[in-house]
Amino acid sequence: MQRERQQQRWIWVFAAVVVLVVMAIPAYGYYATFVAPPRRTAFEVNGVKHSLGEVANVTRAQVAVSVASGGQADLSTLPLQVWTNLLNDEIISQKAPSLGIMVTQEEVDAEVRSRLLPPVTAGQQQPDPDTLNRELRNNLRKYLDITKFSEAEYREIVRRSLVRQKLQDMLSAQIPQVQDQVFVNWIHVTDDTAASNVENELKAGDPFDRLARVYGVQDSYANDSGEVGWIPKGAFPPLDGTLFSIEHDKVSDPIYNPPDTYFIKVTAGPELREVSSQMRGILSGQAMQTWLDDQYNTTDIKASFGDKEYSWVIDKSRELIPGSATPTSP
C-alpha cells in the first residue's frame, strides 16, 4: 500500500509537470512574440537606450500616414531608414548643447502650427485666432489618431527635427558661396543593359543628348537632354575625379556607383562661380553626413538591429496595410 501511494504521488507530480509545460509553451510564445521584442534595445548611444518598440512605432506611424493619404510605404527599406534617423537624431541631440544649439518651446509650438495648419495664400483672408486654434487642435487630434503617438511624443519628434535643422543650417553656413565649378552633362542609368547600350551607341557615334533622352532616368539634377549645369567639387564625391579632370566635350567611360552608372561630359570650367541653391543643398547634405561619420568614430554606439529585429518591425507595420498578410516573427 505504501509503495502504491508513492507511485501515485509520482504520477501526480509527473502530470503536474506535464500540465505546467503545456501551459508554459504558449505563455513563452506570447512573451517571445509580443512582450520581449518591443523592450529589446535597438541601439544605444553613450548609455542612452532606444527600444525596438520605438523603431516599430515610428515605422508604423509613417506607414499609417502613407495609407491614410492613399500612398504606399516601402517596407523593404523604411525600417532601416527609421532606425538610422532615430540613431542620428540621438547623436545630434546629445551633441547639440556643446554646439550652442537649443530649441525653445515657442519654436516647437510654431513648427507644430506650420505643419498642421494650411498656409494662407496671398489675398486670402486671415482666419481669426479662435478659428485657427480650433483647426489646429482638430488637425492635431486627427494626426495623433492616425499615428498613435501621444502629443508629448509628437512634440519631441518635432523638437529633434528642429535641432537637426539648426545643425544643418550651421554646417551650411560654413560652405563657401563661391567655388570652382564645372559645367556638366550626364547620362544617368540604373541597369546594366541600359549602360551597355549607351556605351555601344556612343562608340557608334550616336548623339549624347539623344541617348540621354532615350536611356537616361529622371533625376532632380539633369534635364531630358542630360544637361546638369554648374557643379562644385564635393557635390557628388564619387564623380569628382572625372568631373575635374576630363577633357572638355569628351564623354567619359562608364562610372559605376551601384545601382547608378554615369556617362559624363564636361563642356566648361573649372571656374569660380557662385554656388546655386540646389548645389548648396547638396553640399549641405554632404557636410551633415561627414559630421555624422565623425561622430560615429568618436561616440560610444551599440547597435542591435539584425535580420530578426528588422523582420519583426516589418511584420508589425504590415498589419496597417489593407490586404497584407501578417506573419508572426519567431
Protein backbone atom coordinates (compact mmCIF):
# COMPACT_ATOMS: atom_id res chain seq x y z
CA MET A 1 0.00 0.00 0.00
CA GLN A 2 2.83 2.39 0.84
CA ARG A 3 4.53 1.58 -2.45
CA GLU A 4 1.27 2.21 -4.36
CA ARG A 5 0.75 5.56 -2.63
CA GLN A 6 4.32 6.58 -3.52
CA GLN A 7 3.74 5.60 -7.15
CA GLN A 8 0.53 7.65 -7.21
CA ARG A 9 2.37 10.67 -5.85
CA TRP A 10 4.97 10.37 -8.62
CA ILE A 11 2.21 10.06 -11.19
CA TRP A 12 0.57 13.23 -9.86
CA VAL A 13 3.90 15.06 -9.84
CA PHE A 14 4.58 13.96 -13.43
CA ALA A 15 1.09 15.01 -14.51
CA ALA A 16 1.55 18.41 -12.87
CA VAL A 17 4.88 18.89 -14.64
CA VAL A 18 3.28 17.98 -17.99
CA VAL A 19 0.45 20.46 -17.40
CA LEU A 20 2.91 23.21 -16.48
CA VAL A 21 5.00 22.53 -19.58
CA VAL A 22 1.90 22.57 -21.80
CA MET A 23 0.83 25.87 -20.26
CA ALA A 24 4.33 27.33 -20.43
CA ILE A 25 4.77 26.77 -24.18
CA PRO A 26 2.04 29.22 -25.33
CA ALA A 27 2.94 31.60 -22.49
CA TYR A 28 6.55 31.68 -23.63
CA GLY A 29 5.43 32.05 -27.23
CA TYR A 30 3.29 35.03 -26.27
CA TYR A 31 6.15 36.58 -24.29
CA ALA A 32 8.71 35.98 -27.05
CA THR A 33 6.39 37.34 -29.77
CA PHE A 34 4.57 40.24 -28.12
CA VAL A 35 6.29 41.21 -24.84
CA ALA A 36 10.04 40.79 -25.33
CA PRO A 37 10.65 42.36 -28.79
CA PRO A 38 9.32 45.87 -28.03
CA ARG A 39 11.55 46.04 -24.94
CA ARG A 40 14.66 44.88 -26.78
CA THR A 41 17.32 47.55 -27.27
CA ALA A 42 17.61 48.63 -30.92
CA PHE A 43 20.59 50.94 -30.32
CA GLU A 44 22.43 52.68 -27.52
CA VAL A 45 24.30 56.00 -27.68
CA ASN A 46 26.57 56.84 -24.74
CA GLY A 47 24.39 54.71 -22.48
CA VAL A 48 21.06 56.13 -23.71
CA LYS A 49 18.97 53.23 -24.97
CA HIS A 50 16.21 53.22 -27.59
CA SER A 51 13.97 50.19 -27.89
CA LEU A 52 12.85 48.12 -30.84
CA GLY A 53 9.32 49.13 -29.90
CA GLU A 54 10.19 52.77 -30.60
CA VAL A 55 11.52 51.87 -34.05
CA ALA A 56 8.33 49.91 -34.72
CA ASN A 57 6.08 52.73 -33.50
CA VAL A 58 7.71 55.34 -35.73
CA THR A 59 7.72 52.96 -38.71
CA ARG A 60 4.06 52.12 -38.15
CA ALA A 61 3.21 55.82 -37.88
CA GLN A 62 4.83 56.55 -41.25
CA VAL A 63 3.02 53.58 -42.82
CA ALA A 64 -0.28 54.76 -41.31
CA VAL A 65 0.18 58.30 -42.66
CA SER A 66 1.05 56.90 -46.09
CA VAL A 67 -2.00 54.61 -46.14
CA ALA A 68 -4.30 57.42 -44.93
CA SER A 69 -3.13 59.64 -47.79
CA GLY A 70 -3.59 56.90 -50.38
CA GLY A 71 0.12 56.18 -50.75
CA GLN A 72 2.21 53.09 -50.13
CA ALA A 73 5.27 52.82 -47.90
CA ASP A 74 8.26 50.74 -48.99
CA LEU A 75 8.67 48.33 -46.10
CA SER A 76 11.78 46.82 -47.66
CA THR A 77 13.75 49.96 -46.73
CA LEU A 78 11.58 52.00 -44.32
CA PRO A 79 12.54 50.25 -41.03
CA LEU A 80 16.26 50.79 -41.67
CA GLN A 81 15.63 54.43 -42.60
CA VAL A 82 13.67 54.94 -39.37
CA TRP A 83 16.34 53.18 -37.29
CA THR A 84 19.09 55.28 -38.88
CA ASN A 85 17.17 58.54 -38.42
CA LEU A 86 16.46 57.78 -34.77
CA LEU A 87 20.13 56.92 -34.19
CA ASN A 88 21.30 60.12 -35.91
CA ASP A 89 18.78 62.24 -34.02
CA GLU A 90 20.02 60.86 -30.69
CA ILE A 91 23.64 61.62 -31.61
CA ILE A 92 22.70 65.14 -32.73
CA SER A 93 20.55 65.75 -29.65
CA GLN A 94 23.41 64.77 -27.34
CA LYS A 95 25.95 66.94 -29.18
CA ALA A 96 23.68 69.97 -29.66
CA PRO A 97 24.29 71.70 -26.27
CA SER A 98 28.06 71.73 -26.80
CA LEU A 99 27.47 73.36 -30.20
CA GLY A 100 25.25 76.03 -28.70
CA ILE A 101 22.14 74.63 -30.37
CA MET A 102 18.92 74.97 -28.40
CA VAL A 103 15.24 74.75 -29.30
CA THR A 104 12.67 76.64 -27.28
CA GLN A 105 9.11 75.63 -26.50
CA GLU A 106 7.93 78.57 -28.61
CA GLU A 107 9.86 77.24 -31.60
CA VAL A 108 8.26 73.81 -31.17
CA ASP A 109 4.81 75.42 -30.95
CA ALA A 110 5.43 77.41 -34.11
CA GLU A 111 6.67 74.35 -36.00
CA VAL A 112 3.66 72.28 -34.93
CA ARG A 113 1.36 75.04 -36.18
CA SER A 114 3.20 75.30 -39.51
CA ARG A 115 2.95 71.54 -40.03
CA LEU A 116 -0.71 71.16 -39.12
CA LEU A 117 -2.26 74.37 -40.44
CA PRO A 118 -2.54 75.06 -44.18
CA PRO A 119 -0.60 78.14 -45.35
CA VAL A 120 -2.55 81.30 -46.06
CA THR A 121 -2.14 82.24 -49.71
CA ALA A 122 -1.75 85.80 -50.95
CA GLY A 123 -5.05 87.63 -50.97
CA GLN A 124 -6.75 85.09 -48.71
CA GLN A 125 -8.43 86.44 -45.59
CA GLN A 126 -6.60 85.51 -42.42
CA PRO A 127 -8.88 83.42 -40.13
CA ASP A 128 -9.39 84.71 -36.61
CA PRO A 129 -7.19 83.22 -33.83
CA ASP A 130 -10.01 81.18 -32.26
CA THR A 131 -10.81 79.53 -35.60
CA LEU A 132 -7.13 78.76 -36.18
CA ASN A 133 -6.74 77.25 -32.73
CA ARG A 134 -9.78 75.03 -33.22
CA GLU A 135 -8.46 73.88 -36.59
CA LEU A 136 -5.03 73.24 -35.07
CA ARG A 137 -6.47 71.12 -32.25
CA ASN A 138 -8.67 69.22 -34.68
CA ASN A 139 -5.80 68.51 -37.10
CA LEU A 140 -3.53 67.50 -34.23
CA ARG A 141 -6.14 65.08 -32.91
CA LYS A 142 -6.55 63.53 -36.35
CA TYR A 143 -2.79 63.16 -36.78
CA LEU A 144 -2.38 61.56 -33.35
CA ASP A 145 -5.28 59.20 -34.06
CA ILE A 146 -3.59 58.06 -37.26
CA THR A 147 -0.03 57.73 -35.91
CA LYS A 148 -0.92 56.58 -32.37
CA PHE A 149 1.66 59.00 -30.99
CA SER A 150 0.94 60.82 -27.77
CA GLU A 151 1.12 64.59 -28.03
CA ALA A 152 4.32 64.56 -25.96
CA GLU A 153 5.90 62.02 -28.32
CA TYR A 154 4.95 64.07 -31.37
CA ARG A 155 6.30 67.28 -29.87
CA GLU A 156 9.59 65.53 -29.06
CA ILE A 157 9.83 64.35 -32.67
CA VAL A 158 9.27 67.95 -33.80
CA ARG A 159 11.85 69.25 -31.32
CA ARG A 160 14.50 66.83 -32.55
CA SER A 161 13.80 67.72 -36.16
CA LEU A 162 14.38 71.40 -35.31
CA VAL A 163 17.67 70.55 -33.58
CA ARG A 164 18.75 68.62 -36.68
CA GLN A 165 17.75 71.54 -38.95
CA LYS A 166 19.72 74.02 -36.82
CA LEU A 167 22.81 71.82 -37.11
CA GLN A 168 22.22 71.56 -40.86
CA ASP A 169 21.98 75.36 -41.09
CA MET A 170 25.18 75.76 -39.05
CA LEU A 171 27.09 73.42 -41.35
CA SER A 172 25.60 75.03 -44.45
CA ALA A 173 26.75 78.47 -43.32
CA GLN A 174 30.34 77.19 -43.40
CA ILE A 175 30.16 76.33 -47.13
CA PRO A 176 31.91 78.96 -49.32
CA GLN A 177 29.47 80.81 -51.55
CA VAL A 178 31.92 80.99 -54.46
CA GLN A 179 33.74 77.83 -55.57
CA ASP A 180 35.45 76.23 -58.54
CA GLN A 181 32.81 74.57 -60.70
CA VAL A 182 32.48 72.70 -63.99
CA PHE A 183 29.55 72.66 -66.43
CA VAL A 184 28.30 69.08 -66.61
CA ASN A 185 26.11 66.91 -68.81
CA TRP A 186 25.49 63.27 -67.96
CA ILE A 187 23.60 60.18 -68.95
CA HIS A 188 22.39 58.52 -65.77
CA VAL A 189 21.17 54.92 -65.99
CA THR A 190 20.31 52.35 -63.36
CA ASP A 191 20.58 48.95 -65.04
CA ASP A 192 23.37 47.06 -66.80
CA THR A 193 21.51 46.64 -70.09
CA ALA A 194 20.94 50.37 -70.49
CA ALA A 195 24.57 51.07 -69.55
CA SER A 196 25.80 48.60 -72.18
CA ASN A 197 23.51 50.08 -74.83
CA VAL A 198 24.65 53.63 -74.09
CA GLU A 199 28.31 52.63 -74.20
CA ASN A 200 27.92 50.82 -77.54
CA GLU A 201 25.85 53.57 -79.15
CA LEU A 202 28.24 56.29 -78.01
CA LYS A 203 31.08 54.37 -79.67
CA ALA A 204 28.94 54.17 -82.81
CA GLY A 205 28.71 57.97 -82.84
CA ASP A 206 25.12 58.47 -81.66
CA PRO A 207 24.48 61.98 -80.19
CA PHE A 208 24.91 62.33 -76.42
CA ASP A 209 21.68 64.25 -75.90
CA ARG A 210 19.60 61.70 -77.85
CA LEU A 211 20.95 58.84 -75.74
CA ALA A 212 20.21 60.84 -72.59
CA ARG A 213 16.59 61.19 -73.72
CA VAL A 214 16.28 57.52 -74.67
CA TYR A 215 18.08 55.82 -71.78
CA GLY A 216 18.57 58.38 -69.02
CA VAL A 217 16.50 58.02 -65.86
CA GLN A 218 14.76 61.06 -64.46
CA ASP A 219 16.60 62.71 -61.60
CA SER A 220 16.34 66.11 -59.97
CA TYR A 221 19.58 67.40 -61.48
CA ALA A 222 19.59 66.84 -65.26
CA ASN A 223 17.07 67.83 -67.92
CA ASP A 224 15.86 65.44 -70.64
CA SER A 225 18.98 66.07 -72.72
CA GLY A 226 21.29 65.29 -69.80
CA GLU A 227 22.30 68.87 -69.01
CA VAL A 228 23.01 69.29 -65.29
CA GLY A 229 24.74 72.68 -65.16
CA TRP A 230 27.47 74.01 -62.89
CA ILE A 231 28.66 71.56 -60.23
CA PRO A 232 31.15 72.37 -57.43
CA LYS A 233 33.66 69.87 -56.11
CA GLY A 234 32.24 67.68 -53.35
CA ALA A 235 28.62 67.73 -54.50
CA PHE A 236 28.97 64.23 -56.00
CA PRO A 237 32.14 62.76 -54.43
CA PRO A 238 32.21 59.52 -56.49
CA LEU A 239 32.26 61.63 -59.67
CA ASP A 240 34.78 64.29 -58.61
CA GLY A 241 37.81 62.50 -60.05
CA THR A 242 36.24 62.56 -63.50
CA LEU A 243 34.41 65.88 -63.32
CA PHE A 244 37.56 67.90 -62.61
CA SER A 245 40.00 66.05 -64.84
CA ILE A 246 38.19 65.01 -68.02
CA GLU A 247 38.88 66.81 -71.29
CA HIS A 248 36.10 69.15 -72.40
CA ASP A 249 33.43 67.70 -74.71
CA LYS A 250 34.82 64.17 -74.32
CA VAL A 251 32.45 61.54 -72.92
CA SER A 252 33.82 59.52 -70.02
CA ASP A 253 33.91 55.76 -69.72
CA PRO A 254 31.01 54.45 -67.61
CA ILE A 255 31.39 55.41 -63.95
CA TYR A 256 29.82 52.81 -61.69
CA ASN A 257 28.33 53.82 -58.36
CA PRO A 258 25.81 50.99 -57.75
CA PRO A 259 22.97 51.00 -58.53
CA ASP A 260 23.81 54.01 -60.75
CA THR A 261 26.01 54.35 -63.81
CA TYR A 262 27.05 57.71 -65.26
CA PHE A 263 28.47 58.83 -68.59
CA ILE A 264 29.98 62.29 -68.02
CA LYS A 265 30.61 65.15 -70.44
CA VAL A 266 32.10 68.43 -69.19
CA THR A 267 31.85 71.45 -71.51
CA ALA A 268 33.30 74.29 -69.39
CA GLY A 269 35.32 75.04 -66.25
CA PRO A 270 36.71 74.76 -63.74
CA GLU A 271 35.97 78.39 -62.94
CA LEU A 272 34.99 80.31 -59.84
CA ARG A 273 31.23 80.81 -59.71
CA GLU A 274 28.54 81.38 -57.12
CA VAL A 275 27.08 78.11 -55.86
CA SER A 276 23.43 77.64 -56.82
CA SER A 277 20.80 76.98 -54.16
CA GLN A 278 20.37 73.42 -55.42
CA MET A 279 24.09 72.66 -55.22
CA ARG A 280 24.31 74.35 -51.82
CA GLY A 281 21.59 71.99 -50.59
CA ILE A 282 23.58 69.01 -51.87
CA LEU A 283 26.82 70.26 -50.26
CA SER A 284 24.93 70.87 -47.03
CA GLY A 285 23.71 67.27 -47.02
CA GLN A 286 27.25 66.05 -47.67
CA ALA A 287 28.53 68.20 -44.79
CA MET A 288 25.92 66.69 -42.46
CA GLN A 289 26.91 63.16 -43.45
CA THR A 290 30.59 63.96 -42.94
CA TRP A 291 29.80 65.36 -39.48
CA LEU A 292 27.81 62.25 -38.60
CA ASP A 293 30.61 59.98 -39.85
CA ASP A 294 32.99 61.77 -37.49
CA GLN A 295 30.57 61.26 -34.59
CA TYR A 296 30.27 57.55 -35.36
CA ASN A 297 34.04 57.28 -34.88
CA THR A 298 34.08 59.12 -31.55
CA THR A 299 30.77 58.13 -29.94
CA ASP A 300 30.01 55.01 -27.90
CA ILE A 301 27.35 53.38 -30.09
CA LYS A 302 25.95 49.88 -29.62
CA ALA A 303 23.67 48.67 -32.41
CA SER A 304 21.25 45.73 -32.19
CA PHE A 305 19.19 45.71 -35.37
CA GLY A 306 19.69 42.46 -37.24
CA ASP A 307 17.52 40.46 -39.61
CA LYS A 308 15.27 39.12 -36.84
CA GLU A 309 14.53 42.59 -35.46
CA TYR A 310 14.08 44.02 -38.96
CA SER A 311 11.53 41.31 -39.80
CA TRP A 312 9.63 41.92 -36.58
CA VAL A 313 9.28 45.64 -37.35
CA ILE A 314 8.09 44.83 -40.87
CA ASP A 315 5.51 42.37 -39.53
CA LYS A 316 4.16 44.90 -37.03
CA SER A 317 3.95 47.58 -39.73
CA ARG A 318 2.39 45.35 -42.39
CA GLU A 319 -0.67 44.97 -40.16
CA LEU A 320 -1.67 48.50 -41.16
CA ILE A 321 -1.66 47.82 -44.90
CA PRO A 322 -5.08 46.65 -46.18
CA GLY A 323 -4.98 43.14 -47.62
CA SER A 324 -1.47 42.35 -46.40
CA ALA A 325 -0.63 39.08 -44.72
CA THR A 326 0.70 39.43 -41.22
CA PRO A 327 3.08 36.56 -40.42
CA THR A 328 4.26 36.35 -36.87
CA SER A 329 8.00 36.57 -36.32
CA PRO A 330 9.54 33.94 -34.04
